[in-house]
Amino acid sequence: MIALRLTDIQKSYGDNHVLCDVNLTIEDGEFIVIVGPSGCGKTTLLRVVAGLERPDAGEIVLFDEVVNEMSPAQRGVAMVFQSYALYPHLTVYKNLSFALELAGMTHEQIQQRIDEVAQILSLSDYLDRKPSELSGGQRQRVALGRALVRKPRMFLFDEPLSNLDAALRMNTRIEIADLHRILKTPILYVTHDQTEAMTLADRIVVMRAGRIEQIGAPLALYNTPNNRFVAGFIGSPAMNFIERDLLPGSGATCIGLRPEHLHVVDEGRLSGKVLLHERLGTDTHVIADLGGTQKLTARLPGQWEFERGAPIAFDFENADAVLFDAQGDRIANPADPKPDPLRPNQ
């Protein structure tokens, strides 16, 4: 069953075209993550689905029902904001019960719903506390709980982990993934964090300037980006772009190389001087100056030491190169393995 269908969605503020003919379909139970640079329209798209913004054109269908004219409360979706948006003067219990009371639920129904959610999110010991008495991670769990108690048909997340430190982001990311696995409620999730997108998403939507550039599974976008923009946006450290054809006869004007696909050699097709190296324990990142404005980042397994300014050379397997034409679109790599006619679906 289709949970959400967006057809030709447009939204402008004056002369600023924020959403331009956006088309997106989400299946029931899917976890969809939207990524893109600041100002690309991802949060506006989320607000349009929630009913907080009205599109200038296009159709929004939630579970086979056109909802363009419906209020946010009528749409059956719940939104979790970056800022938590908790009521500071209310206890955790009251924050969780507020929407249920407005919906006219009985005390017994509210108590049962809150007990269930508090147990899932490990909030049972904090129901009498106010938000100011909680850690950032606990406040985020309350924000999740406030959405969860409503039992929505769909969850909308707007960069919910951006205010948390690295450890809390990882823990809360695990909690969100577990919630999705248990509830199987469809999720539309906006983030700027590469790790969140790659680890949480069933499919990733990459946006630029109000348009969708590519939709696909995380590894599909990582390995076969449609264009140079998607290639450079997905992956950390970012893909290197070499402004020349290192595979003669390929027709490429630019070659993309993932940092992990580069290896240090005595003599290679790429050479320069060491600018910096970063020791990460299991890996070492080395940044090299190839001359002019061209720089390159390599991700080397293990622990390496380099001197700043020392000469360094790199090479790569031809099949690992991603090739782009003059317009920035990916083209076929002649080094790619040819498909086996006996295995047409490989």
Protein backbone atom coordinates (compact mmCIF):
# COMPACT_ATOMS: atom_id res chain seq x y z
CA MET A 1 0.00 0.00 0.00
CA ILE A 2 1.20 3.51 -0.79
CA ALA A 3 1.50 5.67 2.34
CA LEU A 4 2.29 8.97 0.62
CA ARG A 5 2.19 10.21 -2.95
CA LEU A 6 3.36 13.69 -3.87
CA THR A 7 2.56 14.79 -7.42
CA ASP A 8 4.04 17.91 -9.04
CA ILE A 9 4.37 19.79 -5.73
CA GLN A 10 5.33 23.44 -6.12
CA LYS A 11 5.95 26.07 -3.46
CA SER A 12 7.27 29.62 -3.82
CA TYR A 13 7.78 32.58 -1.53
CA GLY A 14 7.62 35.54 -3.87
CA ASP A 15 10.25 34.97 -6.54
CA ASN A 16 11.97 32.25 -4.49
CA HIS A 17 10.95 28.87 -5.92
CA VAL A 18 11.46 26.53 -2.97
CA LEU A 19 9.84 23.38 -4.40
CA CYS A 20 9.73 22.73 -8.14
CA ASP A 21 7.58 19.86 -9.46
CA VAL A 22 8.47 17.43 -6.66
CA ASN A 23 7.23 13.87 -7.21
CA LEU A 24 7.69 11.22 -4.54
CA THR A 25 5.98 7.96 -3.57
CA ILE A 26 6.50 6.25 -0.20
CA GLU A 27 5.31 2.71 0.49
CA ASP A 28 3.69 1.80 3.79
CA GLY A 29 6.43 0.91 6.29
CA GLU A 30 9.25 2.61 4.37
CA PHE A 31 11.90 4.75 6.03
CA ILE A 32 12.72 7.59 3.63
CA VAL A 33 15.51 10.09 4.37
CA ILE A 34 15.76 13.44 2.57
CA VAL A 35 19.19 15.04 2.29
CA GLY A 36 20.50 18.11 0.52
CA PRO A 37 22.31 21.39 1.16
CA SER A 38 20.78 24.17 3.24
CA GLY A 39 18.01 25.93 1.37
CA CYS A 40 17.28 23.04 -0.99
CA GLY A 41 13.66 22.75 0.19
CA LYS A 42 13.77 19.59 2.30
CA THR A 43 12.22 21.08 5.45
CA THR A 44 9.60 22.95 3.40
CA LEU A 45 8.65 19.65 1.77
CA LEU A 46 8.20 18.09 5.21
CA ARG A 47 6.02 21.00 6.33
CA VAL A 48 3.89 20.69 3.19
CA VAL A 49 3.24 17.02 3.99
CA ALA A 50 2.41 17.92 7.61
CA GLY A 51 -0.02 20.63 6.53
CA LEU A 52 1.99 23.45 8.10
CA GLU A 53 2.52 24.93 4.62
CA ARG A 54 0.14 24.89 1.65
CA PRO A 55 1.62 24.02 -1.74
CA ASP A 56 0.99 26.43 -4.60
CA ALA A 57 0.29 23.49 -6.90
CA GLY A 58 0.31 19.72 -6.84
CA GLU A 59 -1.46 16.95 -4.99
CA ILE A 60 -0.74 15.32 -1.60
CA VAL A 61 -2.23 11.86 -1.09
CA LEU A 62 -1.94 10.09 2.28
CA PHE A 63 -3.17 6.49 2.32
CA ASP A 64 -5.37 6.95 -0.77
CA GLU A 65 -6.87 10.21 0.51
CA VAL A 66 -6.20 13.67 -0.95
CA VAL A 67 -5.27 15.86 2.04
CA ASN A 68 -4.45 19.22 0.43
CA GLU A 69 -7.39 20.91 2.16
CA MET A 70 -7.02 19.07 5.48
CA SER A 71 -5.62 20.67 8.63
CA PRO A 72 -2.48 19.17 10.23
CA ALA A 73 -4.61 17.54 12.94
CA GLN A 74 -6.79 15.79 10.35
CA ARG A 75 -3.90 14.24 8.42
CA GLY A 76 -2.91 11.66 11.01
CA VAL A 77 0.80 12.48 10.87
CA ALA A 78 3.12 13.42 13.73
CA MET A 79 6.13 15.70 13.37
CA VAL A 80 9.26 15.70 15.53
CA PHE A 81 11.19 18.97 15.40
CA GLN A 82 14.87 19.80 15.73
CA SER A 83 14.18 22.04 18.74
CA TYR A 84 12.13 19.37 20.64
CA ALA A 85 9.25 21.93 20.97
CA LEU A 86 8.37 20.72 24.48
CA TYR A 87 6.21 22.72 26.89
CA PRO A 88 8.79 23.84 29.49
CA HIS A 89 6.25 24.42 32.30
CA LEU A 90 4.71 20.93 31.98
CA THR A 91 6.01 17.61 33.28
CA VAL A 92 7.00 14.83 30.91
CA TYR A 93 3.67 13.15 31.63
CA LYS A 94 1.74 16.30 30.76
CA ASN A 95 3.82 16.85 27.61
CA LEU A 96 2.87 13.36 26.51
CA SER A 97 -0.79 13.60 27.51
CA PHE A 98 -1.55 17.08 26.16
CA ALA A 99 -2.61 16.07 22.64
CA LEU A 100 -4.51 13.06 23.96
CA GLU A 101 -6.51 15.23 26.32
CA LEU A 102 -7.39 17.57 23.46
CA ALA A 103 -8.55 14.53 21.50
CA GLY A 104 -11.01 13.71 24.29
CA MET A 105 -9.47 10.45 25.46
CA THR A 106 -10.37 9.19 28.93
CA HIS A 107 -7.90 9.24 31.80
CA GLU A 108 -7.59 5.45 31.66
CA GLN A 109 -6.90 5.50 27.91
CA ILE A 110 -4.29 8.23 28.31
CA GLN A 111 -2.60 6.41 31.19
CA GLN A 112 -2.38 3.18 29.20
CA ARG A 113 -1.01 4.94 26.12
CA ILE A 114 1.63 6.85 28.11
CA ASP A 115 2.69 3.75 30.06
CA GLU A 116 3.27 1.90 26.76
CA VAL A 117 5.30 4.70 25.22
CA ALA A 118 7.27 5.41 28.41
CA GLN A 119 8.31 1.78 28.56
CA ILE A 120 9.38 1.70 24.91
CA LEU A 121 11.46 4.89 25.30
CA SER A 122 12.72 4.23 28.86
CA LEU A 123 10.95 7.31 30.21
CA SER A 124 9.02 5.71 33.06
CA ASP A 125 11.36 7.15 35.71
CA TYR A 126 11.11 10.70 34.34
CA LEU A 127 7.37 11.27 33.97
CA ASP A 128 7.22 13.72 36.91
CA ARG A 129 10.18 15.82 35.73
CA LYS A 130 10.09 18.96 33.62
CA PRO A 131 12.16 19.34 30.42
CA SER A 132 14.75 21.54 32.18
CA GLU A 133 15.57 18.62 34.47
CA LEU A 134 16.38 16.29 31.57
CA SER A 135 19.45 15.75 29.41
CA GLY A 136 19.36 16.51 25.70
CA GLY A 137 18.90 12.85 24.86
CA GLN A 138 16.06 12.49 27.34
CA ARG A 139 14.31 15.59 25.96
CA GLN A 140 14.59 14.14 22.47
CA ARG A 141 13.01 10.90 23.69
CA VAL A 142 10.13 12.91 25.15
CA ALA A 143 9.68 14.62 21.78
CA LEU A 144 9.61 11.18 20.16
CA GLY A 145 7.16 9.98 22.79
CA ARG A 146 4.82 12.90 22.21
CA ALA A 147 4.60 11.89 18.55
CA LEU A 148 4.36 8.19 19.37
CA VAL A 149 1.43 8.42 21.83
CA ARG A 150 -0.79 9.74 19.04
CA LYS A 151 -0.28 6.52 17.05
CA PRO A 152 0.03 8.45 13.79
CA ARG A 153 -0.24 6.96 10.34
CA MET A 154 3.12 8.52 9.47
CA PHE A 155 6.09 10.11 11.26
CA LEU A 156 7.84 13.25 10.01
CA PHE A 157 11.29 14.05 11.46
CA ASP A 158 13.01 17.39 10.90
CA GLU A 159 16.71 16.98 11.81
CA PRO A 160 15.77 15.55 15.22
CA LEU A 161 19.31 14.67 16.33
CA SER A 162 21.23 17.78 15.27
CA ASN A 163 21.28 19.23 18.81
CA LEU A 164 22.80 16.11 20.35
CA ASP A 165 26.46 15.24 20.80
CA ALA A 166 27.99 12.36 18.83
CA ALA A 167 27.38 9.65 21.44
CA LEU A 168 23.77 10.68 22.01
CA ARG A 169 23.16 10.90 18.28
CA MET A 170 24.29 7.31 17.86
CA ASN A 171 22.14 6.05 20.77
CA THR A 172 19.05 7.94 19.65
CA ARG A 173 19.59 6.81 16.06
CA ILE A 174 19.50 3.22 17.30
CA GLU A 175 16.29 3.94 19.22
CA ILE A 176 14.62 5.43 16.14
CA ALA A 177 15.67 2.44 14.03
CA ASP A 178 14.28 0.06 16.69
CA LEU A 179 11.02 2.00 16.85
CA HIS A 180 10.62 1.73 13.10
CA ARG A 181 11.37 -1.98 13.17
CA ILE A 182 8.73 -2.54 15.89
CA LEU A 183 6.00 -0.17 14.69
CA LYS A 184 6.57 -0.38 10.92
CA THR A 185 5.03 3.10 10.60
CA PRO A 186 6.29 4.96 7.49
CA ILE A 187 8.83 7.69 8.24
CA LEU A 188 9.88 10.75 6.24
CA TYR A 189 13.10 12.00 7.81
CA VAL A 190 15.12 15.14 7.01
CA THR A 191 18.79 15.31 7.98
CA HIS A 192 22.13 16.79 6.95
CA ASP A 193 24.02 13.93 8.62
CA GLN A 194 25.56 11.38 6.25
CA THR A 195 25.64 8.62 8.86
CA GLU A 196 21.96 9.03 9.70
CA ALA A 197 21.00 8.89 6.05
CA MET A 198 23.14 5.87 5.17
CA THR A 199 22.26 3.80 8.26
CA LEU A 200 18.55 4.59 8.71
CA ALA A 201 17.12 4.88 5.22
CA ASP A 202 15.46 2.27 3.07
CA ARG A 203 15.78 4.90 0.34
CA ILE A 204 17.47 8.31 0.24
CA VAL A 205 16.08 11.33 -1.58
CA VAL A 206 18.75 13.84 -2.66
CA MET A 207 17.46 17.36 -3.25
CA ARG A 208 19.02 20.44 -4.82
CA ALA A 209 17.41 23.85 -5.40
CA GLY A 210 13.88 22.56 -4.80
CA ARG A 211 14.18 19.54 -7.08
CA ILE A 212 14.84 15.85 -6.51
CA GLU A 213 18.15 14.85 -8.08
CA GLN A 214 18.01 11.13 -7.33
CA ILE A 215 16.12 8.58 -5.23
CA GLY A 216 17.55 5.19 -4.33
CA ALA A 217 18.86 2.78 -1.75
CA PRO A 218 21.85 4.15 0.20
CA LEU A 219 24.46 1.96 -1.47
CA ALA A 220 22.92 2.50 -4.91
CA LEU A 221 23.38 6.25 -4.53
CA TYR A 222 26.87 5.75 -3.13
CA ASN A 223 28.03 3.41 -5.89
CA THR A 224 26.04 4.67 -8.90
CA PRO A 225 25.21 8.37 -8.48
CA ASN A 226 23.33 9.93 -11.37
CA ASN A 227 25.53 12.98 -11.47
CA ARG A 228 28.43 14.82 -9.92
CA PHE A 229 26.22 16.64 -7.40
CA VAL A 230 24.86 13.41 -5.90
CA ALA A 231 28.31 11.82 -5.99
CA GLY A 232 29.80 14.71 -4.04
CA PHE A 233 26.96 14.93 -1.54
CA ILE A 234 26.75 11.26 -0.57
CA GLY A 235 29.74 9.89 1.31
CA SER A 236 32.13 11.11 4.00
CA PRO A 237 34.90 12.01 3.35
CA ALA A 238 33.49 13.35 0.11
CA MET A 239 34.36 11.97 -3.32
CA ASN A 240 37.44 13.43 -5.02
CA PHE A 241 36.91 14.97 -8.45
CA ILE A 242 39.85 14.94 -10.84
CA GLU A 243 39.35 17.38 -13.70
CA ARG A 244 40.89 15.24 -16.39
CA ASP A 245 40.44 11.86 -18.04
CA LEU A 246 42.70 9.28 -16.42
CA LEU A 247 41.08 6.47 -18.42
CA PRO A 248 42.00 7.21 -22.05
CA GLY A 249 39.14 6.79 -24.48
CA SER A 250 36.40 6.87 -21.84
CA GLY A 251 35.06 10.25 -22.97
CA ALA A 252 35.05 11.59 -19.40
CA THR A 253 36.01 15.17 -18.61
CA CYS A 254 36.04 14.45 -14.86
CA ILE A 255 36.74 11.37 -12.77
CA GLY A 256 35.32 10.75 -9.31
CA LEU A 257 37.31 8.68 -6.82
CA ARG A 258 36.13 7.68 -3.36
CA PRO A 259 38.83 8.25 -0.70
CA GLU A 260 38.84 4.55 0.24
CA HIS A 261 39.58 3.54 -3.36
CA LEU A 262 42.94 5.33 -3.41
CA HIS A 263 46.13 3.61 -2.34
CA VAL A 264 49.65 4.96 -1.86
CA VAL A 265 52.25 3.79 -4.39
CA ASP A 266 55.81 4.65 -5.36
CA GLU A 267 54.65 5.92 -8.77
CA GLY A 268 51.03 6.48 -9.73
CA ARG A 269 48.68 8.43 -11.94
CA LEU A 270 48.14 11.01 -9.21
CA SER A 271 50.98 12.67 -7.36
CA GLY A 272 51.50 15.67 -5.15
CA LYS A 273 52.60 16.77 -1.68
CA VAL A 274 51.17 15.96 1.74
CA LEU A 275 49.18 18.81 3.28
CA LEU A 276 47.77 17.06 6.32
CA HIS A 277 47.07 13.65 7.76
CA GLU A 278 44.44 12.76 10.33
CA ARG A 279 44.93 9.78 12.65
CA LEU A 280 41.61 8.06 13.34
CA GLY A 281 42.97 4.89 14.90
CA THR A 282 41.61 2.26 12.52
CA ASP A 283 42.05 4.59 9.51
CA THR A 284 44.25 7.47 8.42
CA HIS A 285 43.03 10.31 6.22
CA VAL A 286 45.71 12.01 4.16
CA ILE A 287 45.05 15.24 2.27
CA ALA A 288 47.40 15.96 -0.63
CA ASP A 289 47.98 18.96 -2.91
CA LEU A 290 48.07 17.83 -6.53
CA GLY A 291 49.01 21.27 -7.82
CA GLY A 292 47.01 24.34 -8.68
CA THR A 293 43.70 24.22 -6.82
CA GLN A 294 43.41 20.45 -6.99
CA LYS A 295 43.41 18.63 -3.64
CA LEU A 296 42.74 15.00 -2.87
CA THR A 297 41.70 13.03 0.22
CA ALA A 298 42.63 9.38 0.65
CA ARG A 299 41.31 7.06 3.35
CA LEU A 300 43.98 4.51 4.19
CA PRO A 301 43.33 1.48 6.39
CA GLY A 302 45.54 1.29 9.46
CA GLN A 303 47.90 3.78 11.07
CA TRP A 304 50.13 5.87 8.81
CA GLU A 305 52.54 8.73 9.41
CA PHE A 306 53.42 11.41 6.85
CA GLU A 307 55.54 14.54 6.88
CA ARG A 308 53.93 17.76 5.70
CA GLY A 309 55.26 18.68 2.26
CA ALA A 310 56.56 15.17 1.53
CA PRO A 311 55.96 13.85 -2.01
CA ILE A 312 53.20 11.27 -2.31
CA ALA A 313 51.66 9.26 -5.17
CA PHE A 314 48.34 7.45 -5.50
CA ASP A 315 46.72 5.00 -7.83
CA PHE A 316 43.36 3.21 -8.09
CA GLU A 317 41.58 0.38 -9.84
CA ASN A 318 39.97 1.54 -13.08
CA ALA A 319 36.67 -0.13 -12.16
CA ASP A 320 36.44 2.08 -9.02
CA ALA A 321 36.47 5.33 -11.03
CA VAL A 322 33.16 7.14 -11.51
CA LEU A 323 33.12 8.99 -14.82
CA PHE A 324 31.32 12.25 -15.60
CA ASP A 325 30.75 14.14 -18.84
CA ALA A 326 31.03 17.90 -19.35
CA GLN A 327 27.46 18.41 -18.02
CA GLY A 328 28.28 16.54 -14.81
CA ASP A 329 26.22 13.43 -15.63
CA ARG A 330 27.66 10.00 -14.93
CA ILE A 331 28.66 7.96 -17.96
CA ALA A 332 29.47 4.28 -18.32
CA ASN A 333 32.88 3.15 -17.18
CA PRO A 334 34.48 0.93 -19.86
CA ALA A 335 36.27 -0.91 -17.04
CA ASP A 336 32.96 -2.04 -15.47
CA PRO A 337 32.47 -5.82 -15.61
CA LYS A 338 30.22 -6.87 -18.47
CA PRO A 339 26.88 -8.42 -17.42
CA ASP A 340 26.59 -12.17 -17.68
CA PRO A 341 23.83 -13.02 -20.21
CA LEU A 342 23.04 -16.14 -18.14
CA ARG A 343 22.39 -13.93 -15.09
CA PRO A 344 20.28 -11.07 -16.46
CA ASN A 345 19.29 -9.72 -13.03
CA GLN A 346 22.79 -9.26 -11.62
